[in-house]
Amino acid sequence: MNQLTFSSWDKLLQTYVDDQGRVAYDRWQQASLPELEQWLMDMGSVDLQQLSKEQAIATLLNLYNALTIRQVLQQYPIASIRPRVLGVPNWPAFLRFFTKTVYSLNGQSVSLNNIEHDILRQRFLDPRIHFALVCASIGCPWLRAEAYLPDKLTEQLDGDCDRFINNPDKVRYDAASQTLYCSKIFKWYKADFLTAAESIVEYCDRYYTAAQIPASAVVVYLPYSWELNQRTSA
């Protein structure tokens, strides 16, 4: 696959995403939704079976994030991808965000869950993808202001992992209580992380730079924010 395939998506990210992963949804909706639609249309004929592992992963990460943004832009303004009715979370609508068909990839109808669980996690198991898939929420990893590219994929995924684990909003260690506070992403996908490490503590300790985390540390999962990861337009 020619890396230029991602150039339109890359340009959109550079234009509307800041260095903390926040998205200018209002400006994007007003000025560039057609460009996003066109790029997604152009990508629809990609055959994953014809791609290298790196090409396939980069393609799927880019598509997941782009399809998430398109769903938000189609509904914007919203405060969260988890809607509320009379102050109560509307769980069926929230689940549909991930389960409804949103794309045709080489003739196959897919949802966000299909891309994440049925393709990425099943075919290309790599825990680092959980720091690259962004569901438009503050609790998610920061969205990269650039496209994933096959020849930069290892560097980009390592960078995402490092940035996530060294963000105190997502991971922090309290030495006094020997407690590792970490994102619920580590709880939801614990089995994935345990394919690469003996424990969540060990996985985090590989990247955490503020201190060494002892194996005996107690893991406590942080609240997860579903508020939209939006930025205020300049």
C-alpha atoms as a PDB file:
ATOM      1  CA  MET A   1       0.000   0.000   0.000  1.00  0.00           C
ATOM      2  CA  ASN A   2       1.246   3.440  -0.857  1.00  0.00           C
ATOM      3  CA  GLN A   3       1.623   5.517   2.292  1.00  0.00           C
ATOM      4  CA  LEU A   4       0.070   8.430   0.377  1.00  0.00           C
ATOM      5  CA  THR A   5      -3.217   6.604   0.888  1.00  0.00           C
ATOM      6  CA  PHE A   6      -3.153   8.079   4.386  1.00  0.00           C
ATOM      7  CA  SER A   7      -2.157  11.602   3.365  1.00  0.00           C
ATOM      8  CA  SER A   8      -5.673  13.102   3.447  1.00  0.00           C
ATOM      9  CA  TRP A   9      -6.369  11.597   6.864  1.00  0.00           C
ATOM     10  CA  ASP A  10      -2.971  12.754   8.099  1.00  0.00           C
ATOM     11  CA  LYS A  11      -3.677  16.325   6.956  1.00  0.00           C
ATOM     12  CA  LEU A  12      -7.047  16.362   8.724  1.00  0.00           C
ATOM     13  CA  LEU A  13      -5.471  15.181  11.968  1.00  0.00           C
ATOM     14  CA  GLN A  14      -2.750  17.798  11.774  1.00  0.00           C
ATOM     15  CA  THR A  15      -5.382  20.474  11.183  1.00  0.00           C
ATOM     16  CA  TYR A  16      -7.935  19.600  13.857  1.00  0.00           C
ATOM     17  CA  VAL A  17      -6.107  17.705  16.636  1.00  0.00           C
ATOM     18  CA  ASP A  18      -3.872  19.438  19.175  1.00  0.00           C
ATOM     19  CA  ASP A  19      -0.804  18.107  20.991  1.00  0.00           C
ATOM     20  CA  GLN A  20      -2.966  16.739  23.826  1.00  0.00           C
ATOM     21  CA  GLY A  21      -5.177  14.711  21.534  1.00  0.00           C
ATOM     22  CA  ARG A  22      -8.161  17.062  21.691  1.00  0.00           C
ATOM     23  CA  VAL A  23     -10.267  17.508  18.583  1.00  0.00           C
ATOM     24  CA  ALA A  24     -11.809  20.690  17.153  1.00  0.00           C
ATOM     25  CA  TYR A  25     -15.038  18.946  16.185  1.00  0.00           C
ATOM     26  CA  ASP A  26     -16.876  22.199  15.484  1.00  0.00           C
ATOM     27  CA  ARG A  27     -14.333  23.425  12.938  1.00  0.00           C
ATOM     28  CA  TRP A  28     -13.941  19.969  11.412  1.00  0.00           C
ATOM     29  CA  GLN A  29     -17.706  19.608  11.001  1.00  0.00           C
ATOM     30  CA  GLN A  30     -18.039  23.022   9.381  1.00  0.00           C
ATOM     31  CA  ALA A  31     -15.056  22.843   7.044  1.00  0.00           C
ATOM     32  CA  SER A  32     -13.836  19.318   6.363  1.00  0.00           C
ATOM     33  CA  LEU A  33     -16.441  16.608   6.856  1.00  0.00           C
ATOM     34  CA  PRO A  34     -16.616  15.992   3.069  1.00  0.00           C
ATOM     35  CA  GLU A  35     -12.840  15.374   2.961  1.00  0.00           C
ATOM     36  CA  LEU A  36     -13.152  12.810   5.725  1.00  0.00           C
ATOM     37  CA  GLU A  37     -16.036  11.124   3.896  1.00  0.00           C
ATOM     38  CA  GLN A  38     -14.017  11.038   0.675  1.00  0.00           C
ATOM     39  CA  TRP A  39     -10.974   9.486   2.343  1.00  0.00           C
ATOM     40  CA  LEU A  40     -13.145   6.815   3.951  1.00  0.00           C
ATOM     41  CA  MET A  41     -14.757   6.114   0.595  1.00  0.00           C
ATOM     42  CA  ASP A  42     -11.350   5.781  -1.048  1.00  0.00           C
ATOM     43  CA  MET A  43     -10.230   3.322   1.628  1.00  0.00           C
ATOM     44  CA  GLY A  44     -13.304   1.115   1.332  1.00  0.00           C
ATOM     45  CA  SER A  45     -11.817  -1.177  -1.310  1.00  0.00           C
ATOM     46  CA  VAL A  46      -8.700  -2.080   0.693  1.00  0.00           C
ATOM     47  CA  ASP A  47      -8.166  -5.835   0.952  1.00  0.00           C
ATOM     48  CA  LEU A  48      -6.477  -6.601   4.271  1.00  0.00           C
ATOM     49  CA  GLN A  49      -5.387 -10.000   3.004  1.00  0.00           C
ATOM     50  CA  GLN A  50      -3.108  -8.321   0.468  1.00  0.00           C
ATOM     51  CA  LEU A  51      -1.341  -6.171   3.067  1.00  0.00           C
ATOM     52  CA  SER A  52       1.640  -6.771   5.285  1.00  0.00           C
ATOM     53  CA  LYS A  53       1.009  -6.965   9.029  1.00  0.00           C
ATOM     54  CA  GLU A  54       2.207  -3.371   9.527  1.00  0.00           C
ATOM     55  CA  GLN A  55       0.101  -2.076   6.639  1.00  0.00           C
ATOM     56  CA  ALA A  56      -3.002  -3.844   7.937  1.00  0.00           C
ATOM     57  CA  ILE A  57      -2.610  -2.602  11.516  1.00  0.00           C
ATOM     58  CA  ALA A  58      -1.954   0.980  10.401  1.00  0.00           C
ATOM     59  CA  THR A  59      -4.984   0.843   8.111  1.00  0.00           C
ATOM     60  CA  LEU A  60      -7.281  -0.506  10.823  1.00  0.00           C
ATOM     61  CA  LEU A  61      -6.120   1.974  13.470  1.00  0.00           C
ATOM     62  CA  ASN A  62      -6.637   4.876  11.088  1.00  0.00           C
ATOM     63  CA  LEU A  63     -10.059   3.605  10.027  1.00  0.00           C
ATOM     64  CA  TYR A  64     -11.253   3.028  13.588  1.00  0.00           C
ATOM     65  CA  ASN A  65     -10.304   6.536  14.674  1.00  0.00           C
ATOM     66  CA  ALA A  66     -11.685   8.127  11.517  1.00  0.00           C
ATOM     67  CA  LEU A  67     -15.004   6.281  11.765  1.00  0.00           C
ATOM     68  CA  THR A  68     -15.290   7.297  15.414  1.00  0.00           C
ATOM     69  CA  ILE A  69     -14.755  10.935  14.498  1.00  0.00           C
ATOM     70  CA  ARG A  70     -17.254  10.699  11.657  1.00  0.00           C
ATOM     71  CA  GLN A  71     -19.915   9.421  14.056  1.00  0.00           C
ATOM     72  CA  VAL A  72     -19.253  12.337  16.383  1.00  0.00           C
ATOM     73  CA  LEU A  73     -19.321  14.871  13.543  1.00  0.00           C
ATOM     74  CA  GLN A  74     -22.643  13.470  12.315  1.00  0.00           C
ATOM     75  CA  GLN A  75     -24.183  14.121  15.764  1.00  0.00           C
ATOM     76  CA  TYR A  76     -22.239  17.162  16.941  1.00  0.00           C
ATOM     77  CA  PRO A  77     -22.709  19.149  19.132  1.00  0.00           C
ATOM     78  CA  ILE A  78     -22.677  16.473  21.819  1.00  0.00           C
ATOM     79  CA  ALA A  79     -20.984  16.417  25.213  1.00  0.00           C
ATOM     80  CA  SER A  80     -20.255  12.686  25.256  1.00  0.00           C
ATOM     81  CA  ILE A  81     -20.576   9.556  23.141  1.00  0.00           C
ATOM     82  CA  ARG A  82     -22.580   8.207  26.091  1.00  0.00           C
ATOM     83  CA  PRO A  83     -25.901  10.076  25.796  1.00  0.00           C
ATOM     84  CA  ARG A  84     -28.174  10.692  28.746  1.00  0.00           C
ATOM     85  CA  VAL A  85     -31.947  10.824  29.063  1.00  0.00           C
ATOM     86  CA  LEU A  86     -33.141  12.855  32.032  1.00  0.00           C
ATOM     87  CA  GLY A  87     -29.670  12.539  33.527  1.00  0.00           C
ATOM     88  CA  VAL A  88     -29.552   8.747  33.203  1.00  0.00           C
ATOM     89  CA  PRO A  89     -27.044   7.133  30.803  1.00  0.00           C
ATOM     90  CA  ASN A  90     -28.757   5.805  27.679  1.00  0.00           C
ATOM     91  CA  TRP A  91     -26.913   2.480  27.555  1.00  0.00           C
ATOM     92  CA  PRO A  92     -28.575   1.059  24.410  1.00  0.00           C
ATOM     93  CA  ALA A  93     -27.640   4.159  22.385  1.00  0.00           C
ATOM     94  CA  PHE A  94     -24.134   4.090  23.852  1.00  0.00           C
ATOM     95  CA  LEU A  95     -23.615   0.450  22.908  1.00  0.00           C
ATOM     96  CA  ARG A  96     -24.913   1.089  19.389  1.00  0.00           C
ATOM     97  CA  PHE A  97     -22.086   3.587  18.896  1.00  0.00           C
ATOM     98  CA  PHE A  98     -19.746   0.587  18.896  1.00  0.00           C
ATOM     99  CA  THR A  99     -21.948  -2.208  17.557  1.00  0.00           C
ATOM    100  CA  LYS A 100     -23.845  -0.696  14.627  1.00  0.00           C
ATOM    101  CA  THR A 101     -22.514  -1.090  11.103  1.00  0.00           C
ATOM    102  CA  VAL A 102     -20.626   2.060  10.132  1.00  0.00           C
ATOM    103  CA  TYR A 103     -18.523   1.005   7.150  1.00  0.00           C
ATOM    104  CA  SER A 104     -18.048  -1.389   4.258  1.00  0.00           C
ATOM    105  CA  LEU A 105     -14.463  -2.632   4.063  1.00  0.00           C
ATOM    106  CA  ASN A 106     -13.800  -4.531   0.853  1.00  0.00           C
ATOM    107  CA  GLY A 107     -17.453  -5.531   0.760  1.00  0.00           C
ATOM    108  CA  GLN A 108     -17.651  -6.561   4.421  1.00  0.00           C
ATOM    109  CA  SER A 109     -19.949  -4.582   6.722  1.00  0.00           C
ATOM    110  CA  VAL A 110     -18.140  -3.653   9.925  1.00  0.00           C
ATOM    111  CA  SER A 111     -18.761  -1.865  13.203  1.00  0.00           C
ATOM    112  CA  LEU A 112     -16.170  -0.296  15.470  1.00  0.00           C
ATOM    113  CA  ASN A 113     -16.316  -3.450  17.590  1.00  0.00           C
ATOM    114  CA  ASN A 114     -15.668  -5.606  14.522  1.00  0.00           C
ATOM    115  CA  ILE A 115     -12.534  -3.619  13.715  1.00  0.00           C
ATOM    116  CA  GLU A 116     -11.234  -3.739  17.286  1.00  0.00           C
ATOM    117  CA  HIS A 117     -12.293  -7.135  18.600  1.00  0.00           C
ATOM    118  CA  ASP A 118     -12.782  -9.329  15.541  1.00  0.00           C
ATOM    119  CA  ILE A 119      -9.881  -8.112  13.436  1.00  0.00           C
ATOM    120  CA  LEU A 120      -7.214  -6.221  15.390  1.00  0.00           C
ATOM    121  CA  ARG A 121      -7.373  -8.238  18.603  1.00  0.00           C
ATOM    122  CA  GLN A 122      -7.953 -11.593  16.935  1.00  0.00           C
ATOM    123  CA  ARG A 123      -5.510 -11.374  14.037  1.00  0.00           C
ATOM    124  CA  PHE A 124      -2.867  -8.953  15.277  1.00  0.00           C
ATOM    125  CA  LEU A 125      -2.775  -9.288  19.056  1.00  0.00           C
ATOM    126  CA  ASP A 126      -0.608  -6.459  20.366  1.00  0.00           C
ATOM    127  CA  PRO A 127      -1.573  -4.725  23.633  1.00  0.00           C
ATOM    128  CA  ARG A 128      -0.198  -1.432  22.342  1.00  0.00           C
ATOM    129  CA  ILE A 129      -3.203  -1.023  20.070  1.00  0.00           C
ATOM    130  CA  HIS A 130      -5.223  -0.108  23.157  1.00  0.00           C
ATOM    131  CA  PHE A 131      -3.213   3.119  23.386  1.00  0.00           C
ATOM    132  CA  ALA A 132      -3.949   3.945  19.730  1.00  0.00           C
ATOM    133  CA  LEU A 133      -7.685   3.266  19.420  1.00  0.00           C
ATOM    134  CA  VAL A 134      -9.541   6.415  20.439  1.00  0.00           C
ATOM    135  CA  CYS A 135     -13.306   6.425  21.072  1.00  0.00           C
ATOM    136  CA  ALA A 136     -13.597  10.229  21.274  1.00  0.00           C
ATOM    137  CA  SER A 137     -13.600  10.323  25.088  1.00  0.00           C
ATOM    138  CA  ILE A 138     -11.322  11.971  27.643  1.00  0.00           C
ATOM    139  CA  GLY A 139     -10.737   8.585  29.268  1.00  0.00           C
ATOM    140  CA  CYS A 140      -9.296   7.274  26.004  1.00  0.00           C
ATOM    141  CA  PRO A 141      -5.682   7.627  24.924  1.00  0.00           C
ATOM    142  CA  TRP A 142      -4.758  10.911  23.296  1.00  0.00           C
ATOM    143  CA  LEU A 143      -5.510  10.956  19.588  1.00  0.00           C
ATOM    144  CA  ARG A 144      -2.361  11.309  17.508  1.00  0.00           C
ATOM    145  CA  ALA A 145      -2.183  14.436  15.364  1.00  0.00           C
ATOM    146  CA  GLU A 146      -0.855  12.270  12.548  1.00  0.00           C
ATOM    147  CA  ALA A 147      -1.804   9.109  10.698  1.00  0.00           C
ATOM    148  CA  TYR A 148      -0.357   5.716  11.550  1.00  0.00           C
ATOM    149  CA  LEU A 149       2.095   4.637   8.861  1.00  0.00           C
ATOM    150  CA  PRO A 150       3.415   1.123   8.261  1.00  0.00           C
ATOM    151  CA  ASP A 151       7.095   2.067   8.316  1.00  0.00           C
ATOM    152  CA  LYS A 152       6.663   4.115  11.511  1.00  0.00           C
ATOM    153  CA  LEU A 153       4.186   1.831  13.255  1.00  0.00           C
ATOM    154  CA  THR A 154       6.507   0.350  15.893  1.00  0.00           C
ATOM    155  CA  GLU A 155       7.819   3.792  16.828  1.00  0.00           C
ATOM    156  CA  GLN A 156       4.306   5.246  16.946  1.00  0.00           C
ATOM    157  CA  LEU A 157       2.836   2.451  19.068  1.00  0.00           C
ATOM    158  CA  ASP A 158       5.766   2.531  21.485  1.00  0.00           C
ATOM    159  CA  GLY A 159       5.304   6.285  21.742  1.00  0.00           C
ATOM    160  CA  ASP A 160       1.574   5.907  22.418  1.00  0.00           C
ATOM    161  CA  CYS A 161       2.268   3.355  25.135  1.00  0.00           C
ATOM    162  CA  ASP A 162       4.912   5.540  26.771  1.00  0.00           C
ATOM    163  CA  ARG A 163       2.703   8.633  26.620  1.00  0.00           C
ATOM    164  CA  PHE A 164      -0.299   6.839  28.107  1.00  0.00           C
ATOM    165  CA  ILE A 165       1.506   5.146  30.978  1.00  0.00           C
ATOM    166  CA  ASN A 166       3.384   8.318  31.902  1.00  0.00           C
ATOM    167  CA  ASN A 167       0.235  10.449  31.911  1.00  0.00           C
ATOM    168  CA  PRO A 168      -0.783  10.761  35.600  1.00  0.00           C
ATOM    169  CA  ASP A 169      -4.425  11.043  34.564  1.00  0.00           C
ATOM    170  CA  LYS A 170      -4.144   7.493  33.238  1.00  0.00           C
ATOM    171  CA  VAL A 171      -1.432   5.821  35.349  1.00  0.00           C
ATOM    172  CA  ARG A 172       0.244   6.876  38.577  1.00  0.00           C
ATOM    173  CA  TYR A 173       2.020   5.089  41.398  1.00  0.00           C
ATOM    174  CA  ASP A 174       1.665   6.087  45.050  1.00  0.00           C
ATOM    175  CA  ALA A 175       4.754   4.842  46.867  1.00  0.00           C
ATOM    176  CA  ALA A 176       3.378   5.543  50.344  1.00  0.00           C
ATOM    177  CA  SER A 177       0.493   3.110  49.901  1.00  0.00           C
ATOM    178  CA  GLN A 178       2.236   0.980  47.260  1.00  0.00           C
ATOM    179  CA  THR A 179      -0.790   1.458  45.031  1.00  0.00           C
ATOM    180  CA  LEU A 180      -0.787   1.587  41.244  1.00  0.00           C
ATOM    181  CA  TYR A 181      -3.698   3.654  40.015  1.00  0.00           C
ATOM    182  CA  CYS A 182      -4.404   2.975  36.366  1.00  0.00           C
ATOM    183  CA  SER A 183      -6.971   3.357  33.629  1.00  0.00           C
ATOM    184  CA  LYS A 184      -9.799   0.855  33.323  1.00  0.00           C
ATOM    185  CA  ILE A 185      -8.384   0.051  29.898  1.00  0.00           C
ATOM    186  CA  PHE A 186      -6.000  -2.245  31.804  1.00  0.00           C
ATOM    187  CA  LYS A 187      -8.985  -3.914  33.476  1.00  0.00           C
ATOM    188  CA  TRP A 188     -11.105  -4.303  30.347  1.00  0.00           C
ATOM    189  CA  TYR A 189      -8.237  -5.748  28.293  1.00  0.00           C
ATOM    190  CA  LYS A 190      -6.266  -7.436  31.040  1.00  0.00           C
ATOM    191  CA  ALA A 191      -6.017 -10.676  29.086  1.00  0.00           C
ATOM    192  CA  ASP A 192      -4.321  -8.844  26.211  1.00  0.00           C
ATOM    193  CA  PHE A 193      -1.743  -7.225  28.463  1.00  0.00           C
ATOM    194  CA  LEU A 194      -1.024 -10.543  30.145  1.00  0.00           C
ATOM    195  CA  THR A 195       0.128 -11.941  26.805  1.00  0.00           C
ATOM    196  CA  ALA A 196       3.059  -9.532  27.046  1.00  0.00           C
ATOM    197  CA  ALA A 197       3.738  -9.417  30.807  1.00  0.00           C
ATOM    198  CA  GLU A 198       3.157 -11.443  33.964  1.00  0.00           C
ATOM    199  CA  SER A 199       0.914  -8.772  35.462  1.00  0.00           C
ATOM    200  CA  ILE A 200      -0.528  -5.298  34.897  1.00  0.00           C
ATOM    201  CA  VAL A 201       2.045  -4.001  37.361  1.00  0.00           C
ATOM    202  CA  GLU A 202       4.901  -5.499  35.368  1.00  0.00           C
ATOM    203  CA  TYR A 203       3.541  -4.142  32.092  1.00  0.00           C
ATOM    204  CA  CYS A 204       3.230  -0.607  33.441  1.00  0.00           C
ATOM    205  CA  ASP A 205       6.621  -0.756  35.149  1.00  0.00           C
ATOM    206  CA  ARG A 206       8.328  -1.339  31.797  1.00  0.00           C
ATOM    207  CA  TYR A 207       7.304   2.134  30.630  1.00  0.00           C
ATOM    208  CA  TYR A 208       6.715   4.106  33.837  1.00  0.00           C
ATOM    209  CA  THR A 209       9.534   6.587  34.403  1.00  0.00           C
ATOM    210  CA  ALA A 210       8.573   8.375  37.652  1.00  0.00           C
ATOM    211  CA  ALA A 211       9.491   5.439  39.887  1.00  0.00           C
ATOM    212  CA  GLN A 212      10.062   1.714  39.923  1.00  0.00           C
ATOM    213  CA  ILE A 213       6.793  -0.071  40.646  1.00  0.00           C
ATOM    214  CA  PRO A 214       7.254  -3.107  42.930  1.00  0.00           C
ATOM    215  CA  ALA A 215       5.615  -6.358  41.919  1.00  0.00           C
ATOM    216  CA  SER A 216       3.676  -6.279  45.199  1.00  0.00           C
ATOM    217  CA  ALA A 217       1.877  -3.035  44.300  1.00  0.00           C
ATOM    218  CA  VAL A 218      -1.902  -3.103  44.606  1.00  0.00           C
ATOM    219  CA  VAL A 219      -3.792  -2.158  41.438  1.00  0.00           C
ATOM    220  CA  VAL A 220      -6.716   0.252  41.717  1.00  0.00           C
ATOM    221  CA  TYR A 221      -8.601   1.272  38.581  1.00  0.00           C
ATOM    222  CA  LEU A 222      -9.411   4.931  38.001  1.00  0.00           C
ATOM    223  CA  PRO A 223     -12.835   6.298  37.015  1.00  0.00           C
ATOM    224  CA  TYR A 224     -13.282   6.497  33.243  1.00  0.00           C
ATOM    225  CA  SER A 225     -14.491   9.742  31.685  1.00  0.00           C
ATOM    226  CA  TRP A 226     -16.783   9.450  28.662  1.00  0.00           C
ATOM    227  CA  GLU A 227     -16.853  13.221  28.131  1.00  0.00           C
ATOM    228  CA  LEU A 228     -15.977  14.255  24.597  1.00  0.00           C
ATOM    229  CA  ASN A 229     -12.280  14.845  23.909  1.00  0.00           C
ATOM    230  CA  GLN A 230     -12.954  18.189  22.299  1.00  0.00           C
ATOM    231  CA  ARG A 231     -10.862  21.302  22.130  1.00  0.00           C
ATOM    232  CA  THR A 232     -11.961  24.906  22.103  1.00  0.00           C
ATOM    233  CA  SER A 233     -11.465  26.397  18.663  1.00  0.00           C
ATOM    234  CA  ALA A 234      -8.792  29.060  18.376  1.00  0.00           C
END
